[in-house]
Amino acid sequence: RIAVMSNGLVQQVGGAREIYEDPANRFVADFIGETNFITGKVSDTGTITTLTVNGMQLPGKARKALSIGTEATLAIRPEKLALLADHGQQADGMAAINGTIAETVYIGTDTRYEVDINAAETVVVRVQNIGRQDDVTFNPGDEITLQWRPANAQVLTE
């Protein structure tokens, strides 16, 4: 078990997988691994909570019920995002938004992409190179679709 502390206060206690996959707040998500943070306002609630960010609808899983209009942050790990070429068709049950590749960096085990999703927001995507069936590489300027499972994106208020 791991305890994540900040300023002498316990933020979350749990196993490594639990803390990484289901962080209690933004501090924990940022402390353990690389994370994309996109801030917006809650526009729909339920099992999956949707944030509106600059007109985009971004769904994720909230740890607690949130009121519409509440400021929140969508936290999603770079490896939980998938890239589809040419604004491809999203798979059933997946969330999707369009973007443009800003940077491509081959790292060996994976390729790291920076993706502009609008004028104010950029996210990082990591795509594994080992065991891939395709050999698709995206280049700066390529128009793509980002997709993710809403359950893999955390809606955080702290």
Protein backbone atom coordinates (compact mmCIF):
# COMPACT_ATOMS: atom_id res chain seq x y z
CA ARG A 1 0.00 0.00 0.00
CA ILE A 2 1.08 3.52 -0.78
CA ALA A 3 0.14 6.74 0.99
CA VAL A 4 0.36 9.92 -1.07
CA MET A 5 0.78 12.98 1.14
CA SER A 6 0.81 16.72 0.51
CA ASN A 7 1.61 19.35 3.14
CA GLY A 8 1.37 16.74 5.89
CA LEU A 9 -2.09 15.53 4.83
CA VAL A 10 -2.86 12.11 3.37
CA GLN A 11 -4.38 12.58 -0.08
CA GLN A 12 -4.94 8.90 -0.90
CA VAL A 13 -3.98 5.46 0.40
CA GLY A 14 -4.10 2.39 -1.82
CA GLY A 15 -2.23 0.02 -4.07
CA ALA A 16 -0.10 1.32 -6.93
CA ARG A 17 -2.68 0.39 -9.58
CA GLU A 18 -5.53 2.02 -7.64
CA ILE A 19 -3.64 5.26 -7.12
CA TYR A 20 -2.53 5.40 -10.75
CA GLU A 21 -5.86 4.39 -12.35
CA ASP A 22 -8.28 6.08 -9.93
CA PRO A 23 -6.60 9.11 -8.32
CA ALA A 24 -8.50 10.85 -5.53
CA ASN A 25 -7.60 14.34 -6.75
CA ARG A 26 -5.44 16.32 -9.14
CA PHE A 27 -2.43 16.29 -6.81
CA VAL A 28 -2.39 12.48 -6.73
CA ALA A 29 -2.92 12.21 -10.50
CA ASP A 30 -0.05 14.62 -11.12
CA PHE A 31 2.22 13.02 -8.50
CA ILE A 32 1.98 9.50 -9.96
CA GLY A 33 2.93 9.41 -13.65
CA GLU A 34 2.25 11.69 -16.60
CA THR A 35 -1.30 13.02 -16.94
CA ASN A 36 -3.21 15.34 -19.23
CA PHE A 37 -5.33 17.90 -17.37
CA ILE A 38 -8.14 19.72 -19.15
CA THR A 39 -10.23 22.16 -17.11
CA GLY A 40 -13.89 22.87 -17.84
CA LYS A 41 -17.35 22.95 -16.32
CA VAL A 42 -19.66 20.03 -15.58
CA SER A 43 -22.42 20.02 -18.21
CA ASP A 44 -23.98 16.60 -17.62
CA THR A 45 -23.94 14.23 -14.66
CA GLY A 46 -24.61 10.57 -14.06
CA THR A 47 -22.44 7.46 -14.16
CA ILE A 48 -20.29 9.35 -16.65
CA THR A 49 -19.87 13.09 -16.09
CA THR A 50 -19.32 15.39 -19.05
CA LEU A 51 -17.23 18.55 -18.97
CA THR A 52 -17.64 21.31 -21.50
CA VAL A 53 -14.27 22.78 -22.47
CA ASN A 54 -14.23 25.50 -25.14
CA GLY A 55 -17.32 23.96 -26.74
CA MET A 56 -15.98 20.38 -26.63
CA GLN A 57 -17.85 17.71 -24.69
CA LEU A 58 -15.37 15.56 -22.73
CA PRO A 59 -16.79 12.60 -20.76
CA GLY A 60 -15.13 10.91 -17.81
CA LYS A 61 -15.80 9.11 -14.55
CA ALA A 62 -16.34 11.16 -11.38
CA ARG A 63 -15.65 9.78 -7.90
CA LYS A 64 -18.66 11.67 -6.51
CA ALA A 65 -21.80 13.37 -7.79
CA LEU A 66 -21.14 16.85 -9.15
CA SER A 67 -23.51 19.71 -9.85
CA ILE A 68 -23.89 21.14 -13.33
CA GLY A 69 -21.71 24.23 -13.66
CA THR A 70 -19.06 23.00 -11.20
CA GLU A 71 -15.51 23.69 -12.35
CA ALA A 72 -13.63 20.42 -12.74
CA THR A 73 -10.64 18.89 -14.45
CA LEU A 74 -10.58 15.92 -16.78
CA ALA A 75 -7.45 13.86 -16.05
CA ILE A 76 -6.50 11.26 -18.62
CA ARG A 77 -3.27 9.33 -18.94
CA PRO A 78 -1.41 9.58 -22.27
CA GLU A 79 -1.53 5.82 -22.85
CA LYS A 80 -5.34 5.78 -22.42
CA LEU A 81 -5.81 7.91 -25.55
CA ALA A 82 -5.91 6.38 -29.04
CA LEU A 83 -5.31 8.11 -32.37
CA LEU A 84 -7.37 7.56 -35.50
CA ALA A 85 -6.27 8.85 -38.90
CA ASP A 86 -8.22 11.40 -40.91
CA HIS A 87 -10.89 12.04 -38.29
CA GLY A 88 -11.72 8.34 -38.30
CA GLN A 89 -14.90 6.76 -36.99
CA GLN A 90 -14.88 6.21 -33.24
CA ALA A 91 -15.62 2.78 -31.80
CA ASP A 92 -18.83 2.15 -29.87
CA GLY A 93 -18.71 3.35 -26.28
CA MET A 94 -15.69 5.55 -26.92
CA ALA A 95 -15.51 9.32 -26.57
CA ALA A 96 -13.85 11.25 -29.37
CA ILE A 97 -12.67 14.71 -30.35
CA ASN A 98 -10.74 15.96 -33.36
CA GLY A 99 -7.23 17.34 -33.20
CA THR A 100 -4.03 18.09 -35.07
CA ILE A 101 -0.65 16.48 -34.44
CA ALA A 102 1.74 19.18 -33.16
CA GLU A 103 4.77 17.01 -32.41
CA THR A 104 5.90 13.40 -32.87
CA VAL A 105 8.75 11.90 -30.84
CA TYR A 106 9.85 8.28 -31.28
CA ILE A 107 11.06 6.98 -27.89
CA GLY A 108 11.68 3.31 -28.69
CA THR A 109 9.03 1.42 -26.73
CA ASP A 110 6.46 4.03 -27.67
CA THR A 111 5.86 7.15 -29.72
CA ARG A 112 4.89 10.35 -27.90
CA TYR A 113 2.52 12.69 -29.70
CA GLU A 114 1.47 16.21 -28.72
CA VAL A 115 -1.99 16.90 -30.10
CA ASP A 116 -3.66 20.30 -30.35
CA ILE A 117 -7.36 19.81 -29.62
CA ASN A 118 -8.20 23.51 -29.91
CA ALA A 119 -6.43 26.85 -29.75
CA ALA A 120 -5.93 26.59 -25.98
CA GLU A 121 -5.53 22.87 -25.25
CA THR A 122 -2.79 20.37 -26.06
CA VAL A 123 -2.69 16.77 -24.85
CA VAL A 124 0.00 14.11 -24.87
CA VAL A 125 -0.66 10.67 -26.34
CA ARG A 126 1.67 7.69 -25.97
CA VAL A 127 1.32 4.84 -28.46
CA GLN A 128 3.16 1.58 -27.81
CA ASN A 129 5.50 0.47 -30.62
CA ILE A 130 5.94 -3.10 -29.38
CA GLY A 131 3.47 -5.66 -30.69
CA ARG A 132 1.60 -3.24 -32.95
CA GLN A 133 -0.12 -4.77 -35.96
CA ASP A 134 0.13 -1.58 -38.01
CA ASP A 135 3.00 0.74 -38.74
CA VAL A 136 1.03 3.99 -38.65
CA THR A 137 2.99 7.06 -37.65
CA PHE A 138 1.45 10.50 -37.49
CA ASN A 139 3.34 13.64 -38.39
CA PRO A 140 2.95 17.29 -37.39
CA GLY A 141 -0.02 18.80 -39.21
CA ASP A 142 -1.91 15.49 -39.56
CA GLU A 143 -5.61 15.77 -38.73
CA ILE A 144 -6.63 13.00 -36.35
CA THR A 145 -9.37 11.91 -33.97
CA LEU A 146 -8.53 11.23 -30.34
CA GLN A 147 -10.63 8.58 -28.65
CA TRP A 148 -10.84 7.15 -25.14
CA ARG A 149 -13.07 5.11 -22.89
CA PRO A 150 -14.93 7.55 -20.61
CA ALA A 151 -14.22 5.21 -17.65
CA ASN A 152 -10.47 5.83 -18.22
CA ALA A 153 -10.78 9.61 -17.80
CA GLN A 154 -11.17 10.94 -14.27
CA VAL A 155 -13.27 14.03 -13.50
CA LEU A 156 -11.56 15.71 -10.55
CA THR A 157 -12.62 18.73 -8.52
CA GLU A 158 -9.57 19.18 -6.29
